[in-house]
C-alpha atoms as a PDB file:
ATOM      1  CA  ALA A   1       0.000   0.000   0.000  1.00  0.00           C
ATOM      2  CA  THR A   2       2.822   2.362   0.868  1.00  0.00           C
ATOM      3  CA  ALA A   3       4.670   1.575  -2.358  1.00  0.00           C
ATOM      4  CA  LEU A   4       1.581   2.208  -4.458  1.00  0.00           C
ATOM      5  CA  SER A   5       0.912   5.545  -2.765  1.00  0.00           C
ATOM      6  CA  ALA A   6       4.557   6.611  -3.060  1.00  0.00           C
ATOM      7  CA  VAL A   7       4.787   5.734  -6.751  1.00  0.00           C
ATOM      8  CA  ALA A   8       1.497   7.498  -7.481  1.00  0.00           C
ATOM      9  CA  ALA A   9       2.578  10.615  -5.597  1.00  0.00           C
ATOM     10  CA  ALA A  10       5.920  10.724  -7.433  1.00  0.00           C
ATOM     11  CA  ALA A  11       4.228  10.248 -10.805  1.00  0.00           C
ATOM     12  CA  VAL A  12       1.747  13.071 -10.260  1.00  0.00           C
ATOM     13  CA  ARG A  13       4.605  15.443  -9.403  1.00  0.00           C
ATOM     14  CA  SER A  14       6.542  14.589 -12.568  1.00  0.00           C
ATOM     15  CA  ASP A  15       6.167  15.954 -16.080  1.00  0.00           C
ATOM     16  CA  ASP A  16       8.857  13.676 -17.522  1.00  0.00           C
ATOM     17  CA  SER A  17       7.235  11.137 -19.854  1.00  0.00           C
ATOM     18  CA  GLY A  18       9.944   8.539 -19.117  1.00  0.00           C
ATOM     19  CA  VAL A  19       9.272   8.745 -15.385  1.00  0.00           C
ATOM     20  CA  LEU A  20       5.528   8.595 -15.999  1.00  0.00           C
ATOM     21  CA  GLU A  21       5.807   5.552 -18.251  1.00  0.00           C
ATOM     22  CA  ARG A  22       7.934   3.672 -15.689  1.00  0.00           C
ATOM     23  CA  ALA A  23       5.591   4.693 -12.873  1.00  0.00           C
ATOM     24  CA  ALA A  24       2.600   3.525 -14.920  1.00  0.00           C
ATOM     25  CA  ALA A  25       4.282   0.160 -15.595  1.00  0.00           C
ATOM     26  CA  LEU A  26       5.033  -0.290 -11.887  1.00  0.00           C
ATOM     27  CA  LEU A  27       1.525   0.768 -10.847  1.00  0.00           C
ATOM     28  CA  LEU A  28       0.098  -1.640 -13.413  1.00  0.00           C
ATOM     29  CA  ARG A  29       2.061  -4.529 -11.888  1.00  0.00           C
ATOM     30  CA  LEU A  30       0.991  -3.510  -8.385  1.00  0.00           C
ATOM     31  CA  CYS A  31      -2.660  -3.285  -9.474  1.00  0.00           C
ATOM     32  CA  MET A  32      -2.571  -6.706 -11.088  1.00  0.00           C
ATOM     33  CA  ARG A  33      -0.788  -8.469  -8.224  1.00  0.00           C
ATOM     34  CA  HIS A  34      -2.418  -6.729  -5.275  1.00  0.00           C
ATOM     35  CA  ARG A  35      -5.968  -6.054  -6.398  1.00  0.00           C
ATOM     36  CA  ALA A  36      -7.335  -5.322  -2.921  1.00  0.00           C
ATOM     37  CA  VAL A  37      -4.643  -2.720  -2.220  1.00  0.00           C
ATOM     38  CA  ALA A  38      -5.126  -1.213  -5.688  1.00  0.00           C
ATOM     39  CA  SER A  39      -8.847  -1.013  -5.091  1.00  0.00           C
ATOM     40  CA  GLU A  40      -8.307   0.824  -1.808  1.00  0.00           C
ATOM     41  CA  HIS A  41      -5.997   3.303  -3.533  1.00  0.00           C
ATOM     42  CA  SER A  42      -7.890   3.612  -6.814  1.00  0.00           C
ATOM     43  CA  GLY A  43      -8.119   7.372  -6.310  1.00  0.00           C
ATOM     44  CA  ALA A  44      -4.324   7.663  -6.369  1.00  0.00           C
ATOM     45  CA  VAL A  45      -4.109   5.529  -9.506  1.00  0.00           C
ATOM     46  CA  ALA A  46      -6.889   7.566 -11.141  1.00  0.00           C
ATOM     47  CA  SER A  47      -4.978  10.774 -10.429  1.00  0.00           C
ATOM     48  CA  VAL A  48      -1.923   9.319 -12.205  1.00  0.00           C
ATOM     49  CA  VAL A  49      -4.045   8.355 -15.235  1.00  0.00           C
ATOM     50  CA  GLN A  50      -5.597  11.820 -15.376  1.00  0.00           C
ATOM     51  CA  HIS A  51      -2.158  13.427 -15.002  1.00  0.00           C
ATOM     52  CA  MET A  52      -0.792  11.343 -17.881  1.00  0.00           C
ATOM     53  CA  LEU A  53      -3.693  12.430 -20.091  1.00  0.00           C
ATOM     54  CA  ARG A  54      -2.851  16.129 -19.817  1.00  0.00           C
ATOM     55  CA  PRO A  55      -2.188  17.433 -23.359  1.00  0.00           C
ATOM     56  CA  GLU A  56       0.877  19.429 -22.307  1.00  0.00           C
ATOM     57  CA  LEU A  57       2.686  16.210 -21.356  1.00  0.00           C
ATOM     58  CA  GLY A  58       2.822  14.914 -24.914  1.00  0.00           C
ATOM     59  CA  ASP A  59       1.622  11.844 -26.724  1.00  0.00           C
ATOM     60  CA  SER A  60       3.988   9.293 -25.192  1.00  0.00           C
ATOM     61  CA  ALA A  61       2.641   9.897 -21.685  1.00  0.00           C
ATOM     62  CA  ALA A  62      -0.944   9.516 -22.897  1.00  0.00           C
ATOM     63  CA  MET A  63      -0.055   6.358 -24.833  1.00  0.00           C
ATOM     64  CA  GLY A  64       1.357   4.835 -21.653  1.00  0.00           C
ATOM     65  CA  CYS A  65      -1.785   5.266 -19.602  1.00  0.00           C
ATOM     66  CA  GLY A  66      -4.104   2.935 -21.553  1.00  0.00           C
ATOM     67  CA  ARG A  67      -3.243  -0.320 -19.817  1.00  0.00           C
ATOM     68  CA  LEU A  68      -3.074   1.413 -16.428  1.00  0.00           C
ATOM     69  CA  ALA A  69      -6.526   2.917 -16.991  1.00  0.00           C
ATOM     70  CA  ALA A  70      -7.873  -0.512 -17.935  1.00  0.00           C
ATOM     71  CA  ALA A  71      -6.380  -2.030 -14.772  1.00  0.00           C
ATOM     72  CA  LEU A  72      -7.844   0.797 -12.701  1.00  0.00           C
ATOM     73  CA  LEU A  73     -11.291   0.159 -14.140  1.00  0.00           C
ATOM     74  CA  ALA A  74     -10.921  -3.572 -13.428  1.00  0.00           C
ATOM     75  CA  VAL A  75     -10.013  -3.167  -9.751  1.00  0.00           C
ATOM     76  CA  SER A  76     -11.798   0.033  -8.796  1.00  0.00           C
ATOM     77  CA  GLU A  77     -14.576  -0.280  -6.290  1.00  0.00           C
ATOM     78  CA  SER A  78     -15.266   3.439  -6.466  1.00  0.00           C
ATOM     79  CA  GLY A  79     -17.090   2.648  -9.696  1.00  0.00           C
ATOM     80  CA  ALA A  80     -18.615   5.676 -11.317  1.00  0.00           C
ATOM     81  CA  ALA A  81     -16.143   8.154  -9.803  1.00  0.00           C
ATOM     82  CA  ALA A  82     -13.131   6.411 -11.334  1.00  0.00           C
ATOM     83  CA  VAL A  83     -14.922   5.912 -14.648  1.00  0.00           C
ATOM     84  CA  GLU A  84     -15.983   9.562 -14.872  1.00  0.00           C
ATOM     85  CA  GLY A  85     -12.481  10.898 -14.370  1.00  0.00           C
ATOM     86  CA  VAL A  86     -10.926   8.468 -16.831  1.00  0.00           C
ATOM     87  CA  VAL A  87     -13.577   9.001 -19.505  1.00  0.00           C
ATOM     88  CA  ARG A  88     -13.527  12.791 -19.274  1.00  0.00           C
ATOM     89  CA  GLY A  89      -9.729  12.786 -19.362  1.00  0.00           C
ATOM     90  CA  CYS A  90      -9.702  10.517 -22.419  1.00  0.00           C
ATOM     91  CA  VAL A  91     -12.207  12.628 -24.335  1.00  0.00           C
ATOM     92  CA  GLN A  92     -10.390  15.860 -23.511  1.00  0.00           C
ATOM     93  CA  ARG A  93      -7.068  14.324 -24.580  1.00  0.00           C
ATOM     94  CA  LEU A  94      -8.707  12.914 -27.702  1.00  0.00           C
ATOM     95  CA  ALA A  95      -9.611  16.475 -28.707  1.00  0.00           C
ATOM     96  CA  ALA A  96      -5.900  17.357 -28.759  1.00  0.00           C
ATOM     97  CA  ALA A  97      -4.639  14.071 -30.234  1.00  0.00           C
ATOM     98  CA  GLU A  98      -3.229  13.959 -33.736  1.00  0.00           C
ATOM     99  CA  LEU A  99      -1.731  10.464 -33.887  1.00  0.00           C
ATOM    100  CA  LEU A 100      -4.149   7.757 -35.015  1.00  0.00           C
ATOM    101  CA  SER A 101      -2.578   5.265 -32.610  1.00  0.00           C
ATOM    102  CA  LEU A 102      -3.180   7.627 -29.684  1.00  0.00           C
ATOM    103  CA  LYS A 103      -6.782   8.199 -30.742  1.00  0.00           C
ATOM    104  CA  GLN A 104      -7.325   4.436 -30.923  1.00  0.00           C
ATOM    105  CA  GLN A 105      -5.731   3.936 -27.502  1.00  0.00           C
ATOM    106  CA  LEU A 106      -7.985   6.565 -25.919  1.00  0.00           C
ATOM    107  CA  ILE A 107     -11.094   5.183 -27.616  1.00  0.00           C
ATOM    108  CA  LEU A 108     -10.249   1.695 -26.372  1.00  0.00           C
ATOM    109  CA  VAL A 109      -9.957   3.047 -22.820  1.00  0.00           C
ATOM    110  CA  VAL A 110     -13.474   4.472 -23.193  1.00  0.00           C
ATOM    111  CA  ALA A 111     -14.630   1.109 -24.604  1.00  0.00           C
ATOM    112  CA  ARG A 112     -13.153  -0.642 -21.552  1.00  0.00           C
ATOM    113  CA  ALA A 113     -14.902   1.868 -19.292  1.00  0.00           C
ATOM    114  CA  ILE A 114     -18.188   0.998 -21.004  1.00  0.00           C
ATOM    115  CA  ALA A 115     -17.477  -2.701 -20.507  1.00  0.00           C
ATOM    116  CA  ALA A 116     -16.593  -2.150 -16.838  1.00  0.00           C
ATOM    117  CA  ALA A 117     -19.338   0.265 -15.822  1.00  0.00           C
ATOM    118  CA  GLY A 118     -21.928   0.262 -18.595  1.00  0.00           C
ATOM    119  CA  ALA A 119     -22.926   2.764 -21.236  1.00  0.00           C
ATOM    120  CA  ALA A 120     -25.204   4.661 -18.835  1.00  0.00           C
ATOM    121  CA  VAL A 121     -22.346   5.614 -16.503  1.00  0.00           C
ATOM    122  CA  VAL A 122     -20.101   6.705 -19.374  1.00  0.00           C
ATOM    123  CA  LEU A 123     -22.793   8.717 -21.155  1.00  0.00           C
ATOM    124  CA  ASP A 124     -23.847  10.367 -17.899  1.00  0.00           C
ATOM    125  CA  ALA A 125     -20.212  11.301 -17.230  1.00  0.00           C
ATOM    126  CA  LEU A 126     -19.970  12.887 -20.655  1.00  0.00           C
ATOM    127  CA  ALA A 127     -23.303  14.680 -20.255  1.00  0.00           C
ATOM    128  CA  ARG A 128     -22.192  16.213 -16.945  1.00  0.00           C
ATOM    129  CA  GLY A 129     -18.805  17.192 -18.300  1.00  0.00           C
ATOM    130  CA  PRO A 130     -18.012  20.606 -19.709  1.00  0.00           C
ATOM    131  CA  ALA A 131     -17.943  21.305 -23.436  1.00  0.00           C
ATOM    132  CA  LEU A 132     -14.597  20.739 -25.075  1.00  0.00           C
ATOM    133  CA  SER A 133     -12.902  24.123 -25.292  1.00  0.00           C
ATOM    134  CA  ASN A 134     -10.688  23.445 -28.298  1.00  0.00           C
ATOM    135  CA  THR A 135     -13.483  22.020 -30.456  1.00  0.00           C
ATOM    136  CA  ALA A 136     -16.525  23.716 -28.887  1.00  0.00           C
ATOM    137  CA  ALA A 137     -18.211  20.358 -29.365  1.00  0.00           C
ATOM    138  CA  ASN A 138     -20.442  18.382 -27.120  1.00  0.00           C
ATOM    139  CA  PRO A 139     -18.257  15.631 -25.583  1.00  0.00           C
ATOM    140  CA  LEU A 140     -20.597  12.774 -26.539  1.00  0.00           C
ATOM    141  CA  LEU A 141     -20.997  13.823 -30.169  1.00  0.00           C
ATOM    142  CA  PHE A 142     -17.286  14.551 -30.458  1.00  0.00           C
ATOM    143  CA  LEU A 143     -16.404  11.109 -29.066  1.00  0.00           C
ATOM    144  CA  LEU A 144     -18.801   9.342 -31.406  1.00  0.00           C
ATOM    145  CA  GLU A 145     -17.534  11.294 -34.419  1.00  0.00           C
ATOM    146  CA  GLU A 146     -13.894  10.464 -33.634  1.00  0.00           C
ATOM    147  CA  TRP A 147     -14.738   6.856 -32.816  1.00  0.00           C
ATOM    148  CA  LEU A 148     -16.605   6.278 -36.047  1.00  0.00           C
ATOM    149  CA  SER A 149     -13.963   8.048 -38.122  1.00  0.00           C
ATOM    150  CA  CYS A 150     -11.244   5.629 -37.012  1.00  0.00           C
ATOM    151  CA  ALA A 151     -13.247   2.484 -36.220  1.00  0.00           C
ATOM    152  CA  HIS A 152     -12.157   0.849 -39.468  1.00  0.00           C
ATOM    153  CA  GLU A 153      -8.496   1.305 -38.468  1.00  0.00           C
ATOM    154  CA  PHE A 154      -8.583  -0.963 -35.402  1.00  0.00           C
ATOM    155  CA  HIS A 155      -6.431  -4.072 -35.684  1.00  0.00           C
ATOM    156  CA  GLY A 156      -6.716  -7.318 -33.806  1.00  0.00           C
ATOM    157  CA  VAL A 157      -9.807  -9.277 -32.943  1.00  0.00           C
ATOM    158  CA  ARG A 158      -9.852  -8.097 -29.320  1.00  0.00           C
ATOM    159  CA  ASP A 159      -9.649  -4.388 -30.178  1.00  0.00           C
ATOM    160  CA  ILE A 160     -12.225  -4.660 -32.958  1.00  0.00           C
ATOM    161  CA  ARG A 161     -14.590  -6.606 -30.716  1.00  0.00           C
ATOM    162  CA  SER A 162     -14.160  -4.234 -27.753  1.00  0.00           C
ATOM    163  CA  SER A 163     -14.761  -1.220 -29.951  1.00  0.00           C
ATOM    164  CA  SER A 164     -17.763  -2.697 -31.759  1.00  0.00           C
ATOM    165  CA  VAL A 165     -19.502  -4.010 -28.647  1.00  0.00           C
ATOM    166  CA  ALA A 166     -19.018  -0.703 -26.820  1.00  0.00           C
ATOM    167  CA  LEU A 167     -20.343   1.289 -29.785  1.00  0.00           C
ATOM    168  CA  VAL A 168     -23.445  -0.877 -29.943  1.00  0.00           C
ATOM    169  CA  GLN A 169     -24.006  -0.372 -26.206  1.00  0.00           C
ATOM    170  CA  VAL A 170     -23.570   3.401 -26.528  1.00  0.00           C
ATOM    171  CA  PHE A 171     -25.960   3.711 -29.452  1.00  0.00           C
ATOM    172  CA  SER A 172     -28.515   1.365 -27.858  1.00  0.00           C
ATOM    173  CA  TYR A 173     -28.516   3.345 -24.626  1.00  0.00           C
ATOM    174  CA  ALA A 174     -28.462   6.729 -26.360  1.00  0.00           C
ATOM    175  CA  ILE A 175     -31.340   5.843 -28.654  1.00  0.00           C
ATOM    176  CA  ALA A 176     -33.396   4.281 -25.857  1.00  0.00           C
ATOM    177  CA  HIS A 177     -32.927   7.354 -23.678  1.00  0.00           C
ATOM    178  CA  ASP A 178     -33.121   9.926 -26.470  1.00  0.00           C
ATOM    179  CA  GLN A 179     -29.655  11.242 -25.584  1.00  0.00           C
ATOM    180  CA  LEU A 180     -28.511  11.891 -29.128  1.00  0.00           C
ATOM    181  CA  LYS A 181     -31.251  14.487 -29.661  1.00  0.00           C
ATOM    182  CA  GLN A 182     -30.440  16.145 -26.334  1.00  0.00           C
ATOM    183  CA  HIS A 183     -26.800  16.635 -27.350  1.00  0.00           C
ATOM    184  CA  GLN A 184     -27.276  18.193 -30.770  1.00  0.00           C
END
């Protein structure tokens, strides 16, 4: 528990992508081996993920947070709170992303959040979030537009399946609850 907290605190204080990537790798191992401890300290792990998603840190830091975010979602007992922070951070970072591989990574994190918490939690998080300043777009519509524009670029059965299943869940929920009309 002490090691996890110390690594998370050091990572949040750093802007060096190399330090952040190593901290993320270590936190990932700690989360996978000590799930109960990781669950207790999911807030610290979530703060590292959100820190790594900051656009001013560069693409390599954001690329390194995907697996850590997935592990956080798998072990987090704080549920919606962890999902909201991760999803909002991913969508905000997606607005600044230029690399296709980074966009795919961020979209897959959102897909994993949908798998972990359900489309309702993710869509509610996006609905409560602020508009994206650099695109002036609604976060939900922006996410769907980006997702659909690069969906054909996913490689690997697992990534394609995760993306497709999550998209179906999002559209099913949005249509059933009339959320697409609300966000236009």
